Structure formats: C-alpha cells, structure tokens
C-alpha cells in the first residue's frame, strides 16, 4: 500500500509518498522523512477538548493532552473524558486525569479557573 499526504512539520508542505517498502519520497528536509515514517507506522495526535467543571463562572474547562497520544486511542480517551468533572480552583497545567485510558499521557488544564 502506498501512502500519500502533505507534510505538516514545516511551512513548505511537501507532498510525501511512502511506498510499500517504507521508502519516503517528495521531502525537501530530513524532518519530512521522520514525519512520514511516524505517520505510516505509529500515527499520534494532540487532543484538545473540554471537560465539565464545577464552577459558577464556566460550565466547561479547556484541556489538552500533555503529549501526543496514539491515534487509535482517541475514542477511548474521549470516552474517559466524558465521565470527568474538574473541581475548581484549577490552574494552567494542572493535571485533570493521570494516565488517561492507559495511554501513559495526562490530561492537563489550559486555563485558570478560580470559582
């Protein structure tokens, strides 16, 4: 199977192609090779979303993963977040969930919320 996609590592946006043997073509820098290899063998994504919060000021708290999670785990992580309610006060980078859905990645707050 041949994979074709646009590289998002730098502003150039090279059109990458990965053949059946894992050879990468179309890159203008070495970062494109790394990106294409990771994207075809173990794709990961950062997740940004919101969770419920027990605040008088806001109903939802913006959160993100502390690092990229496997793309295949995205649904499990979202299911875990649907059951969470953060408790105020919350500061930026406070951990809302440790090791979410067994990914070894934390969910952290991206805003401060006092009440």
C-alpha atoms as a PDB file:
ATOM      1  CA  UNK A   1       0.000   0.000   0.000  1.00  0.00           C
ATOM      2  CA  UNK A   2       1.314   3.432  -0.951  1.00  0.00           C
ATOM      3  CA  UNK A   3       0.595   6.365   1.379  1.00  0.00           C
ATOM      4  CA  UNK A   4       0.458   9.934   0.103  1.00  0.00           C
ATOM      5  CA  UNK A   5      -0.046  13.003   2.266  1.00  0.00           C
ATOM      6  CA  UNK A   6       1.127  16.554   2.886  1.00  0.00           C
ATOM      7  CA  UNK A   7       3.877  17.084   5.431  1.00  0.00           C
ATOM      8  CA  UNK A   8       2.863  19.443   8.263  1.00  0.00           C
ATOM      9  CA  UNK A   9       6.215  19.692  10.057  1.00  0.00           C
ATOM     10  CA  UNK A  10       7.320  22.955   8.412  1.00  0.00           C
ATOM     11  CA  UNK A  11       5.668  25.660   6.279  1.00  0.00           C
ATOM     12  CA  UNK A  12       6.847  24.164   2.947  1.00  0.00           C
ATOM     13  CA  UNK A  13       4.116  21.489   2.952  1.00  0.00           C
ATOM     14  CA  UNK A  14       5.890  18.863   0.853  1.00  0.00           C
ATOM     15  CA  UNK A  15       3.759  16.223  -0.832  1.00  0.00           C
ATOM     16  CA  UNK A  16       5.128  12.999   0.672  1.00  0.00           C
ATOM     17  CA  UNK A  17       4.844   9.488  -0.680  1.00  0.00           C
ATOM     18  CA  UNK A  18       5.700   6.332   1.265  1.00  0.00           C
ATOM     19  CA  UNK A  19       5.950   3.168  -0.801  1.00  0.00           C
ATOM     20  CA  UNK A  20       5.336  -0.437   0.281  1.00  0.00           C
ATOM     21  CA  UNK A  21       8.930  -0.815   1.413  1.00  0.00           C
ATOM     22  CA  UNK A  22       8.773   2.273   3.643  1.00  0.00           C
ATOM     23  CA  UNK A  23      10.848   4.477   1.334  1.00  0.00           C
ATOM     24  CA  UNK A  24       9.894   8.154   1.590  1.00  0.00           C
ATOM     25  CA  UNK A  25       9.957  10.499  -1.404  1.00  0.00           C
ATOM     26  CA  UNK A  26       8.872  14.083  -2.025  1.00  0.00           C
ATOM     27  CA  UNK A  27      10.559  15.530   1.084  1.00  0.00           C
ATOM     28  CA  UNK A  28      12.733  18.627   0.998  1.00  0.00           C
ATOM     29  CA  UNK A  29      14.185  18.117   4.507  1.00  0.00           C
ATOM     30  CA  UNK A  30      15.039  15.258   6.860  1.00  0.00           C
ATOM     31  CA  UNK A  31      12.123  16.132   9.128  1.00  0.00           C
ATOM     32  CA  UNK A  32       9.785  15.028   6.343  1.00  0.00           C
ATOM     33  CA  UNK A  33      11.280  11.550   6.418  1.00  0.00           C
ATOM     34  CA  UNK A  34      10.742  11.265  10.175  1.00  0.00           C
ATOM     35  CA  UNK A  35       7.192  12.609   9.916  1.00  0.00           C
ATOM     36  CA  UNK A  36       6.241  10.264   7.066  1.00  0.00           C
ATOM     37  CA  UNK A  37       7.691   7.235   8.821  1.00  0.00           C
ATOM     38  CA  UNK A  38       5.881   8.001  12.093  1.00  0.00           C
ATOM     39  CA  UNK A  39       2.628   8.808  10.310  1.00  0.00           C
ATOM     40  CA  UNK A  40       2.586   5.490   8.465  1.00  0.00           C
ATOM     41  CA  UNK A  41       3.816   3.260  11.317  1.00  0.00           C
ATOM     42  CA  UNK A  42       2.512   4.858  14.533  1.00  0.00           C
ATOM     43  CA  UNK A  43       0.345   7.964  13.986  1.00  0.00           C
ATOM     44  CA  UNK A  44      -0.175  10.194  17.028  1.00  0.00           C
ATOM     45  CA  UNK A  45      -2.206  13.330  17.685  1.00  0.00           C
ATOM     46  CA  UNK A  46      -2.504  16.013  20.335  1.00  0.00           C
ATOM     47  CA  UNK A  47      -6.050  16.197  21.681  1.00  0.00           C
ATOM     48  CA  UNK A  48      -7.643  19.466  22.750  1.00  0.00           C
ATOM     49  CA  UNK A  49     -11.178  19.471  24.102  1.00  0.00           C
ATOM     50  CA  UNK A  50     -13.233  20.437  27.143  1.00  0.00           C
ATOM     51  CA  UNK A  51     -14.489  18.686  30.275  1.00  0.00           C
ATOM     52  CA  UNK A  52     -17.257  19.512  32.728  1.00  0.00           C
ATOM     53  CA  UNK A  53     -16.260  21.730  35.643  1.00  0.00           C
ATOM     54  CA  UNK A  54     -18.000  22.575  38.935  1.00  0.00           C
ATOM     55  CA  UNK A  55     -17.746  26.338  38.543  1.00  0.00           C
ATOM     56  CA  UNK A  56     -20.198  29.221  38.753  1.00  0.00           C
ATOM     57  CA  UNK A  57     -18.263  31.046  36.023  1.00  0.00           C
ATOM     58  CA  UNK A  58     -17.982  28.340  33.363  1.00  0.00           C
ATOM     59  CA  UNK A  59     -19.643  25.027  32.525  1.00  0.00           C
ATOM     60  CA  UNK A  60     -16.634  23.595  30.632  1.00  0.00           C
ATOM     61  CA  UNK A  61     -12.863  23.688  31.172  1.00  0.00           C
ATOM     62  CA  UNK A  62     -10.480  23.581  28.215  1.00  0.00           C
ATOM     63  CA  UNK A  63      -7.944  20.753  28.418  1.00  0.00           C
ATOM     64  CA  UNK A  64      -5.324  19.021  26.263  1.00  0.00           C
ATOM     65  CA  UNK A  65      -3.092  16.001  26.325  1.00  0.00           C
ATOM     66  CA  UNK A  66       0.354  16.504  27.846  1.00  0.00           C
ATOM     67  CA  UNK A  67       1.871  14.926  24.720  1.00  0.00           C
ATOM     68  CA  UNK A  68       0.559  13.226  21.572  1.00  0.00           C
ATOM     69  CA  UNK A  69      -1.492  10.047  22.011  1.00  0.00           C
ATOM     70  CA  UNK A  70      -1.799   7.156  19.583  1.00  0.00           C
ATOM     71  CA  UNK A  71      -4.454   7.958  17.007  1.00  0.00           C
ATOM     72  CA  UNK A  72      -6.055   4.567  17.702  1.00  0.00           C
ATOM     73  CA  UNK A  73      -6.631   5.569  21.364  1.00  0.00           C
ATOM     74  CA  UNK A  74      -8.517   8.779  20.545  1.00  0.00           C
ATOM     75  CA  UNK A  75     -12.002   7.259  21.018  1.00  0.00           C
ATOM     76  CA  UNK A  76     -11.087   5.655  24.368  1.00  0.00           C
ATOM     77  CA  UNK A  77      -9.648   8.938  25.636  1.00  0.00           C
ATOM     78  CA  UNK A  78     -12.765  10.868  24.620  1.00  0.00           C
ATOM     79  CA  UNK A  79     -14.955   8.292  26.399  1.00  0.00           C
ATOM     80  CA  UNK A  80     -12.885   8.704  29.567  1.00  0.00           C
ATOM     81  CA  UNK A  81     -13.185  12.495  29.377  1.00  0.00           C
ATOM     82  CA  UNK A  82     -16.974  12.295  29.083  1.00  0.00           C
ATOM     83  CA  UNK A  83     -17.137  10.959  32.656  1.00  0.00           C
ATOM     84  CA  UNK A  84     -14.897  13.610  34.265  1.00  0.00           C
ATOM     85  CA  UNK A  85     -15.839  16.749  36.172  1.00  0.00           C
ATOM     86  CA  UNK A  86     -12.937  19.016  37.132  1.00  0.00           C
ATOM     87  CA  UNK A  87     -13.023  20.741  40.506  1.00  0.00           C
ATOM     88  CA  UNK A  88     -12.161  24.432  40.946  1.00  0.00           C
ATOM     89  CA  UNK A  89      -9.784  26.047  41.599  1.00  0.00           C
ATOM     90  CA  UNK A  90      -7.811  24.977  38.526  1.00  0.00           C
ATOM     91  CA  UNK A  91      -4.556  26.443  37.263  1.00  0.00           C
ATOM     92  CA  UNK A  92      -2.960  26.153  33.835  1.00  0.00           C
ATOM     93  CA  UNK A  93      -1.119  22.814  33.505  1.00  0.00           C
ATOM     94  CA  UNK A  94      -2.932  21.226  36.465  1.00  0.00           C
ATOM     95  CA  UNK A  95      -3.370  17.517  35.776  1.00  0.00           C
ATOM     96  CA  UNK A  96      -7.064  16.690  35.425  1.00  0.00           C
ATOM     97  CA  UNK A  97      -6.549  12.965  34.661  1.00  0.00           C
ATOM     98  CA  UNK A  98      -3.361  10.924  35.090  1.00  0.00           C
ATOM     99  CA  UNK A  99      -2.649   8.196  32.539  1.00  0.00           C
ATOM    100  CA  UNK A 100      -5.892   8.705  30.636  1.00  0.00           C
ATOM    101  CA  UNK A 101      -7.253   5.464  29.143  1.00  0.00           C
ATOM    102  CA  UNK A 102      -3.986   3.673  29.873  1.00  0.00           C
ATOM    103  CA  UNK A 103      -2.024   5.814  27.389  1.00  0.00           C
ATOM    104  CA  UNK A 104       0.606   6.993  29.918  1.00  0.00           C
ATOM    105  CA  UNK A 105      -0.432  10.549  28.947  1.00  0.00           C
ATOM    106  CA  UNK A 106      -2.034  13.111  31.258  1.00  0.00           C
ATOM    107  CA  UNK A 107      -4.935  15.452  30.544  1.00  0.00           C
ATOM    108  CA  UNK A 108      -3.981  18.972  31.629  1.00  0.00           C
ATOM    109  CA  UNK A 109      -5.900  22.226  32.018  1.00  0.00           C
ATOM    110  CA  UNK A 110      -5.219  25.005  29.535  1.00  0.00           C
ATOM    111  CA  UNK A 111      -6.788  27.817  31.524  1.00  0.00           C
ATOM    112  CA  UNK A 112      -7.084  29.094  35.071  1.00  0.00           C
ATOM    113  CA  UNK A 113     -10.483  28.920  36.710  1.00  0.00           C
ATOM    114  CA  UNK A 114     -10.871  30.183  40.286  1.00  0.00           C
ATOM    115  CA  UNK A 115     -14.591  29.703  41.008  1.00  0.00           C
END
